[in-house]
Protein backbone atom coordinates (compact mmCIF):
# COMPACT_ATOMS: atom_id res chain seq x y z
CA UNK A 1 -0.37 0.06 -0.15
CA UNK A 2 1.23 3.64 -0.72
CA UNK A 3 0.53 6.68 0.74
CA UNK A 4 1.98 9.05 -1.23
CA UNK A 5 1.40 12.08 0.98
CA UNK A 6 3.32 10.23 3.86
CA UNK A 7 6.04 9.36 1.71
CA UNK A 8 6.81 12.75 -0.02
CA UNK A 9 6.38 10.96 -3.88
CA UNK A 10 6.02 14.09 -6.27
CA UNK A 11 4.38 12.09 -9.32
CA UNK A 12 1.24 11.51 -7.00
CA UNK A 13 1.70 13.51 -4.01
CA UNK A 14 -1.14 13.28 -1.54
CA UNK A 15 -2.71 9.97 -3.62
CA UNK A 16 -3.31 6.41 -1.92
CA UNK A 17 -1.96 3.19 -4.00
CA UNK A 18 -2.68 -0.37 -3.36
CA UNK A 19 -1.50 -3.23 -5.27
CA UNK A 20 -2.54 -6.84 -5.40
CA UNK A 21 -0.33 -9.69 -5.71
CA UNK A 22 -3.39 -12.45 -6.03
CA UNK A 23 -6.48 -13.42 -7.18
CA UNK A 24 -8.77 -10.21 -6.69
CA UNK A 25 -11.56 -12.34 -5.32
CA UNK A 26 -9.20 -13.45 -2.43
CA UNK A 27 -9.76 -11.22 1.03
CA UNK A 28 -6.75 -9.37 -0.19
CA UNK A 29 -8.91 -8.44 -3.02
CA UNK A 30 -11.66 -7.61 -0.70
CA UNK A 31 -9.41 -5.10 1.47
CA UNK A 32 -8.34 -3.36 -2.09
CA UNK A 33 -12.28 -3.02 -2.71
CA UNK A 34 -12.47 -1.24 0.52
CA UNK A 35 -9.29 1.15 0.29
CA UNK A 36 -10.86 2.11 -3.46
CA UNK A 37 -14.62 2.63 -2.38
CA UNK A 38 -12.35 4.52 0.37
CA UNK A 39 -10.58 6.76 -2.23
CA UNK A 40 -7.17 4.60 -3.10
CA UNK A 41 -6.38 3.62 -6.23
CA UNK A 42 -4.91 0.86 -8.64
CA UNK A 43 -1.60 1.58 -8.84
CA UNK A 44 -1.12 2.26 -12.47
CA UNK A 45 -0.76 -1.54 -14.35
CA UNK A 46 2.06 -0.32 -16.96
CA UNK A 47 5.17 -0.88 -15.18
CA UNK A 48 4.32 -3.82 -13.58
CA UNK A 49 3.04 -5.72 -16.58
CA UNK A 50 6.64 -4.70 -17.73
CA UNK A 51 8.17 -5.90 -14.65
CA UNK A 52 10.29 -9.95 -15.10
CA UNK A 53 8.37 -12.98 -15.74
CA UNK A 54 4.77 -10.53 -16.23
CA UNK A 55 2.49 -11.75 -18.95
CA UNK A 56 -0.35 -9.82 -19.54
CA UNK A 57 -2.64 -12.79 -19.75
CA UNK A 58 -1.81 -13.27 -15.83
CA UNK A 59 -2.94 -10.00 -14.97
CA UNK A 60 -6.13 -10.01 -12.29
CA UNK A 61 -8.88 -7.25 -12.43
CA UNK A 62 -7.05 -4.88 -10.15
CA UNK A 63 -4.23 -4.54 -13.12
CA UNK A 64 -1.33 -6.49 -11.09
CA UNK A 65 0.35 -9.32 -12.03
CA UNK A 66 -0.36 -12.17 -10.49
CA UNK A 67 2.63 -14.20 -8.71
CA UNK A 68 4.75 -11.63 -8.21
CA UNK A 69 5.94 -10.31 -4.82
CA UNK A 70 5.75 -6.87 -3.99
CA UNK A 71 9.86 -6.33 -4.51
CA UNK A 72 9.58 -7.99 -7.59
CA UNK A 73 7.86 -5.22 -9.59
CA UNK A 74 8.63 -2.24 -7.14
CA UNK A 75 10.97 -0.98 -4.78
CA UNK A 76 10.74 0.59 -1.15
CA UNK A 77 10.02 3.88 -2.55
CA UNK A 78 7.55 4.88 -3.34
CA UNK A 79 5.58 2.08 -1.57
CA UNK A 80 4.94 2.23 2.37
CA UNK A 81 5.77 -0.81 4.49
CA UNK A 82 2.30 -2.64 4.84
CA UNK A 83 1.73 -6.26 5.15
CA UNK A 84 -1.35 -8.31 5.61
CA UNK A 85 0.06 -11.47 6.67
CA UNK A 86 2.95 -12.39 9.63
CA UNK A 87 5.49 -14.57 8.83
CA UNK A 88 5.19 -17.41 10.50
CA UNK A 89 0.97 -17.78 10.56
CA UNK A 90 0.88 -20.80 8.06
CA UNK A 91 2.08 -22.42 11.19
CA UNK A 92 -1.44 -21.34 13.10
CA UNK A 93 -3.68 -23.30 9.39
CA UNK A 94 -1.69 -26.54 10.11
CA UNK A 95 -4.03 -28.43 11.65
CA UNK A 96 -0.94 -30.53 13.32
CA UNK A 97 1.08 -27.93 14.21
CA UNK A 98 -2.19 -26.01 15.51
CA UNK A 99 -3.05 -28.66 17.91
CA UNK A 100 0.34 -29.51 19.64
CA UNK A 101 0.59 -25.89 20.18
CA UNK A 102 -2.65 -25.87 22.03
CA UNK A 103 -1.10 -29.08 23.87
CA UNK A 104 1.90 -28.11 24.82
CA UNK A 105 0.40 -25.29 26.35
CA UNK A 106 -2.25 -27.06 28.35
CA UNK A 107 -5.13 -25.87 26.41
CA UNK A 108 -6.27 -29.47 24.29
CA UNK A 109 -9.33 -29.14 26.44
CA UNK A 110 -10.28 -26.38 24.36
CA UNK A 111 -10.67 -28.90 21.01
CA UNK A 112 -12.49 -31.83 20.26
CA UNK A 113 -10.49 -34.89 21.26
CA UNK A 114 -7.52 -34.79 18.84
CA UNK A 115 -5.17 -37.68 16.93
CA UNK A 116 -2.25 -36.66 14.92
CA UNK A 117 -2.10 -39.13 12.35
CA UNK A 118 0.97 -41.78 12.18
CA UNK A 119 1.31 -41.79 15.94
CA UNK A 120 -2.00 -42.62 17.28
CA UNK A 121 -5.90 -43.37 16.30
CA UNK A 122 -8.85 -43.51 18.34
CA UNK A 123 -10.25 -47.05 19.49
CA UNK A 124 -13.93 -46.14 20.76
CA UNK A 125 -17.39 -46.39 18.83
CA UNK A 126 -18.34 -43.00 17.21
CA UNK A 127 -18.14 -40.34 14.41
CA UNK A 128 -14.88 -39.37 13.69
CA UNK A 129 -13.25 -36.30 11.50
CA UNK A 130 -9.91 -36.50 9.36
CA UNK A 131 -8.40 -33.71 8.45
CA UNK A 132 -5.28 -32.84 5.96
CA UNK A 133 -3.21 -30.62 7.61
CA UNK A 134 -3.16 -27.50 5.33
CA UNK A 135 -6.26 -28.23 2.99
CA UNK A 136 -9.79 -26.12 3.57
CA UNK A 137 -12.76 -25.28 1.93
CA UNK A 138 -14.17 -28.75 3.05
CA UNK A 139 -11.52 -30.64 0.58
CA UNK A 140 -8.96 -32.19 3.31
CA UNK A 141 -12.43 -33.42 5.37
CA UNK A 142 -13.31 -37.52 5.63
CA UNK A 143 -16.01 -38.53 7.75
CA UNK A 144 -15.66 -41.68 9.48
CA UNK A 145 -17.99 -43.88 12.03
CA UNK A 146 -15.95 -46.69 13.90
CA UNK A 147 -18.38 -49.35 15.57
CA UNK A 148 -17.32 -52.62 17.54
CA UNK A 149 -13.74 -51.74 17.83
CA UNK A 150 -12.50 -52.16 14.03
CA UNK A 151 -10.51 -49.61 12.57
CA UNK A 152 -11.32 -50.59 9.04
CA UNK A 153 -13.29 -46.93 8.55
CA UNK A 154 -10.78 -45.11 9.72
CA UNK A 155 -8.38 -47.22 7.57
CA UNK A 156 -10.66 -46.24 4.48
CA UNK A 157 -10.84 -42.87 5.63
CA UNK A 158 -7.66 -42.04 5.12
CA UNK A 159 -6.73 -44.21 2.07
CA UNK A 160 -9.67 -41.88 0.56
CA UNK A 161 -8.27 -38.82 1.58
CA UNK A 162 -4.24 -40.05 0.78
CA UNK A 163 -6.05 -40.51 -2.95
CA UNK A 164 -7.70 -37.01 -2.80
CA UNK A 165 -4.50 -34.93 -1.70
CA UNK A 166 -2.31 -37.23 -4.61
CA UNK A 167 -4.79 -36.34 -7.23
CA UNK A 168 -4.44 -32.47 -6.02
CA UNK A 169 -0.74 -32.78 -5.96
CA UNK A 170 -0.59 -34.39 -9.73
CA UNK A 171 -2.84 -31.84 -10.67
CA UNK A 172 -1.01 -29.25 -9.34
CA UNK A 173 2.48 -30.88 -10.97
CA UNK A 174 4.06 -31.19 -7.65
CA UNK A 175 5.42 -34.69 -6.25
CA UNK A 176 3.22 -36.55 -3.55
CA UNK A 177 4.13 -36.37 -0.01
CA UNK A 178 5.95 -39.18 1.17
CA UNK A 179 3.09 -39.37 4.30
CA UNK A 180 -0.18 -38.08 4.68
CA UNK A 181 -0.09 -35.35 7.56
CA UNK A 182 -3.27 -34.78 9.46
CA UNK A 183 -5.11 -35.34 12.17
CA UNK A 184 -7.95 -36.99 13.67
CA UNK A 185 -10.50 -35.50 15.20
CA UNK A 186 -13.82 -37.03 17.69
CA UNK A 187 -16.92 -35.90 16.43
CA UNK A 188 -19.24 -33.17 18.64
CA UNK A 189 -22.81 -33.55 18.94
CA UNK A 190 -23.30 -29.80 17.65
CA UNK A 191 -26.00 -27.92 18.77
CA UNK A 192 -28.51 -27.54 15.81
CA UNK A 193 -29.59 -24.35 14.00
CA UNK A 194 -32.84 -24.19 12.31
CA UNK A 195 -32.36 -28.11 12.04
CA UNK A 196 -29.19 -28.32 10.82
CA UNK A 197 -25.87 -28.87 12.24
CA UNK A 198 -23.71 -25.35 12.42
CA UNK A 199 -20.93 -23.91 13.45
CA UNK A 200 -20.19 -20.23 14.14
CA UNK A 201 -17.38 -18.09 12.69
CA UNK A 202 -15.78 -15.66 14.77
CA UNK A 203 -12.80 -13.15 13.31
CA UNK A 204 -9.29 -12.23 15.60
CA UNK A 205 -7.07 -9.97 14.23
CA UNK A 206 -3.44 -9.81 14.89
CA UNK A 207 -1.95 -6.32 14.47
CA UNK A 208 1.88 -5.23 14.87
CA UNK A 209 2.64 -1.28 15.85
CA UNK A 210 5.76 -1.68 17.10
CA UNK A 211 4.62 -4.05 19.49
CA UNK A 212 1.60 -7.11 18.79
CA UNK A 213 -2.19 -6.68 19.78
CA UNK A 214 -5.05 -9.08 19.09
CA UNK A 215 -8.57 -8.14 18.69
CA UNK A 216 -11.76 -9.86 17.98
CA UNK A 217 -15.04 -8.77 16.15
CA UNK A 218 -17.96 -7.96 17.87
CA UNK A 219 -19.83 -10.18 15.56
CA UNK A 220 -19.92 -13.71 13.74
CA UNK A 221 -21.42 -15.82 11.78
CA UNK A 222 -23.43 -19.32 12.13
CA UNK A 223 -22.67 -21.39 9.30
CA UNK A 224 -24.85 -24.24 8.26
CA UNK A 225 -24.31 -26.76 5.55
CA UNK A 226 -25.86 -26.07 2.07
CA UNK A 227 -27.88 -29.79 2.23
CA UNK A 228 -31.12 -29.89 3.14
CA UNK A 229 -31.16 -31.84 7.24
CA UNK A 230 -30.96 -35.38 6.88
CA UNK A 231 -27.09 -36.42 4.96
CA UNK A 232 -26.15 -36.15 8.48
CA UNK A 233 -22.47 -37.22 7.45
CA UNK A 234 -22.00 -34.83 4.53
CA UNK A 235 -23.74 -32.22 6.28
CA UNK A 236 -21.45 -32.76 9.36
CA UNK A 237 -18.26 -32.65 6.96
CA UNK A 238 -19.25 -29.00 5.13
CA UNK A 239 -20.21 -27.71 8.40
CA UNK A 240 -16.74 -28.27 9.77
CA UNK A 241 -15.45 -26.44 6.69
CA UNK A 242 -17.72 -23.62 7.36
CA UNK A 243 -19.07 -22.80 4.08
CA UNK A 244 -22.10 -21.16 3.82
CA UNK A 245 -23.29 -18.15 6.51
CA UNK A 246 -26.65 -18.68 7.25
CA UNK A 247 -27.34 -16.00 10.09
CA UNK A 248 -25.48 -13.16 12.12
CA UNK A 249 -25.01 -14.16 15.41
CA UNK A 250 -26.46 -10.84 17.18
CA UNK A 251 -29.48 -11.82 15.04
CA UNK A 252 -29.81 -15.34 16.55
CA UNK A 253 -29.99 -14.93 20.07
CA UNK A 254 -31.85 -18.12 21.06
CA UNK A 255 -28.70 -20.28 19.36
CA UNK A 256 -26.08 -17.63 20.05
CA UNK A 257 -26.68 -17.73 24.00
CA UNK A 258 -25.21 -14.87 26.70
CA UNK A 259 -23.28 -17.83 27.84
CA UNK A 260 -21.91 -19.68 24.77
CA UNK A 261 -20.77 -15.79 23.37
CA UNK A 262 -18.40 -16.10 26.71
CA UNK A 263 -17.29 -19.37 25.66
CA UNK A 264 -16.68 -18.25 22.54
CA UNK A 265 -14.73 -15.39 23.17
CA UNK A 266 -12.95 -17.59 26.43
CA UNK A 267 -11.44 -19.57 23.19
CA UNK A 268 -10.96 -16.68 20.88
CA UNK A 269 -8.60 -15.35 24.22
CA UNK A 270 -7.00 -19.05 24.13
CA UNK A 271 -6.14 -18.76 20.66
CA UNK A 272 -4.91 -15.55 20.56
CA UNK A 273 -2.39 -16.51 22.79
CA UNK A 274 -1.51 -19.64 20.82
CA UNK A 275 -0.87 -17.41 17.54
CA UNK A 276 0.84 -15.12 19.46
CA UNK A 277 3.70 -18.17 19.70
CA UNK A 278 3.47 -18.80 16.28
CA UNK A 279 4.37 -15.50 14.70
CA UNK A 280 7.50 -14.58 14.17
CA UNK A 281 8.37 -10.98 16.05
CA UNK A 282 9.87 -8.97 15.34
CA UNK A 283 8.46 -9.02 11.66
CA UNK A 284 11.28 -10.30 9.55
CA UNK A 285 9.68 -8.13 6.85
CA UNK A 286 10.80 -4.24 7.03
CA UNK A 287 7.43 -3.17 7.53
CA UNK A 288 5.98 -0.20 9.85
CA UNK A 289 2.57 -1.83 10.21
CA UNK A 290 1.61 -5.78 9.88
CA UNK A 291 -1.88 -6.86 10.29
CA UNK A 292 -3.89 -10.63 9.42
CA UNK A 293 -7.05 -11.63 10.28
CA UNK A 294 -7.92 -15.40 11.30
CA UNK A 295 -11.45 -17.02 10.87
CA UNK A 296 -12.08 -19.85 14.00
CA UNK A 297 -14.53 -22.04 13.79
CA UNK A 298 -16.40 -23.21 16.89
CA UNK A 299 -19.07 -25.36 17.70
CA UNK A 300 -21.32 -25.99 20.82
CA UNK A 301 -22.64 -29.13 22.29
CA UNK A 302 -25.26 -29.05 25.29
CA UNK A 303 -22.84 -27.85 27.62
CA UNK A 304 -20.21 -26.01 26.51
CA UNK A 305 -17.59 -24.49 22.89
CA UNK A 306 -15.17 -26.39 21.02
CA UNK A 307 -12.63 -24.58 18.63
CA UNK A 308 -12.05 -26.81 15.54
CA UNK A 309 -9.35 -24.91 13.77
CA UNK A 310 -7.99 -21.49 12.77
CA UNK A 311 -8.07 -20.51 9.05
CA UNK A 312 -5.53 -17.32 7.91
CA UNK A 313 -7.25 -15.47 4.96
CA UNK A 314 -10.75 -16.82 5.84
CA UNK A 315 -13.79 -16.57 3.22
CA UNK A 316 -15.63 -13.30 3.23
CA UNK A 317 -18.37 -11.95 1.59
CA UNK A 318 -18.08 -9.84 -2.02
CA UNK A 319 -17.82 -5.75 -1.72
CA UNK A 320 -20.13 -4.92 -1.47
CA UNK A 321 -22.34 -8.29 -0.65
CA UNK A 322 -24.04 -9.58 -3.00
CA UNK A 323 -28.07 -9.78 -2.49
CA UNK A 324 -27.73 -13.88 -1.81
CA UNK A 325 -25.16 -13.29 1.05
CA UNK A 326 -25.89 -13.11 4.64
CA UNK A 327 -23.79 -10.20 6.08
CA UNK A 328 -22.08 -7.12 4.91
CA UNK A 329 -17.68 -7.31 6.08
CA UNK A 330 -17.21 -3.77 4.40
CA UNK A 331 -17.37 -2.14 7.73
CA UNK A 332 -15.63 -5.05 9.39
CA UNK A 333 -12.83 -4.76 7.04
CA UNK A 334 -12.96 -0.46 7.04
CA UNK A 335 -12.73 -0.48 11.06
CA UNK A 336 -9.78 -3.00 10.51
CA UNK A 337 -8.05 -0.65 8.80
CA UNK A 338 -8.58 2.27 10.86
CA UNK A 339 -7.28 0.26 13.52
CA UNK A 340 -4.20 -0.47 11.77
CA UNK A 341 -3.50 2.87 11.37
CA UNK A 342 -6.19 5.94 11.69
CA UNK A 343 -4.92 7.40 8.73
CA UNK A 344 -5.05 4.66 6.24
CA UNK A 345 -9.10 5.09 6.14
CA UNK A 346 -10.78 7.29 7.69
CA UNK A 347 -14.30 6.38 9.27
CA UNK A 348 -17.83 7.96 8.86
CA UNK A 349 -21.47 8.08 10.13
CA UNK A 350 -22.33 4.74 8.16
CA UNK A 351 -19.41 2.58 10.81
CA UNK A 352 -21.42 3.63 13.43
CA UNK A 353 -23.53 1.36 14.07
CA UNK A 354 -21.72 -1.61 13.33
CA UNK A 355 -19.77 -3.73 15.39
CA UNK A 356 -16.24 -2.88 16.79
CA UNK A 357 -12.83 -4.88 16.95
CA UNK A 358 -12.83 -5.17 20.99
CA UNK A 359 -9.15 -5.30 22.45
CA UNK A 360 -8.61 -8.86 23.57
CA UNK A 361 -5.92 -8.83 27.04
CA UNK A 362 -3.33 -12.19 26.19
CA UNK A 363 -1.25 -11.04 28.58
CA UNK A 364 -0.37 -12.65 32.10
CA UNK A 365 1.14 -16.25 32.35
CA UNK A 366 2.50 -17.93 29.59
CA UNK A 367 -0.32 -20.04 28.05
CA UNK A 368 2.30 -22.73 28.96
CA UNK A 369 1.57 -21.84 33.00
CA UNK A 370 -1.92 -21.83 32.52
CA UNK A 371 -3.61 -25.07 34.54
CA UNK A 372 -5.59 -27.35 32.04
CA UNK A 373 -8.78 -28.10 32.52
CA UNK A 374 -9.55 -31.67 33.67
CA UNK A 375 -10.61 -33.91 30.61
CA UNK A 376 -14.14 -33.81 30.24
CA UNK A 377 -14.66 -30.74 32.64
CA UNK A 378 -17.67 -28.60 31.08
CA UNK A 379 -16.44 -24.71 30.27
CA UNK A 380 -19.98 -23.72 31.05
CA UNK A 381 -23.54 -24.54 30.01
CA UNK A 382 -27.26 -22.82 28.51
């Protein structure tokens, strides 16, 4: 991002520009749409097309070539140093490492009971989810039900997931992995929303401004699978992948009760402490400001809340949203930019009624020093 008034560039004094190195449908693309609607402009495309390796056919709708890093086509001047990802944040999205960090911090009880593939496996009958470590949007999830002490169903699910991962590697012209990395999670008897299994998507922001701070957005979304009730295995799988928003949390107080809000906030705070240990600080990139948003998937049973996983670059609605989309993410992103640096984007009257990013206290004892809850201890009830 370029604030020309700040760096004093004579070619564009007083203007603000952005550039994008990924598909414009990504979260980064939506950041740029928000800035564009706030008066920023795309950086002129002609110099970008002349950059090394750039091909006109790989230019996205915001006129910047794909697959090129910022330093490939513009130097430190005139662009200011602001980045929308942290070094090390991929450790948060890796389901194996994410679970290990919670376990090592004495917080494994925040998540459903979990086993790491190749190291241990469940033996008790029940419903389980087999998850590849890095795939999202349901592409890396298999559902199996163990019965009578037999592990055949689990072996079949692992084999099916391995075949899917290998097929993806072949399509992307990458060599197959030597082993399947992932986890097995015990299925939660999810509290239903309008007759469907559901999870709640909440948002966590990490911001570096000389020190690291965390914020939780004041609104989330109830997410349900697109299929009608009845196909429980598929519905659970798609629910865990957090595809379709059904309602804003503030619009369904009978489901997202004050007690469930408290439980979810406790999980977000625990997650912030774990994320803090994964990020590389101070940032390796020479940046004045670094920020990143994580989407956290939370489910409820009849006693407590569980954190399923965290995702970088979480799916958000279009800016502005399509008529068929639930919720408007532009106020959330506008307030995020204002929080990172008030000079990036000034708020106005249309932002007054939207929820705020609320600061989290992740200080105090290190996560590893916190006492672990007793196994099966409820975290609260309706």
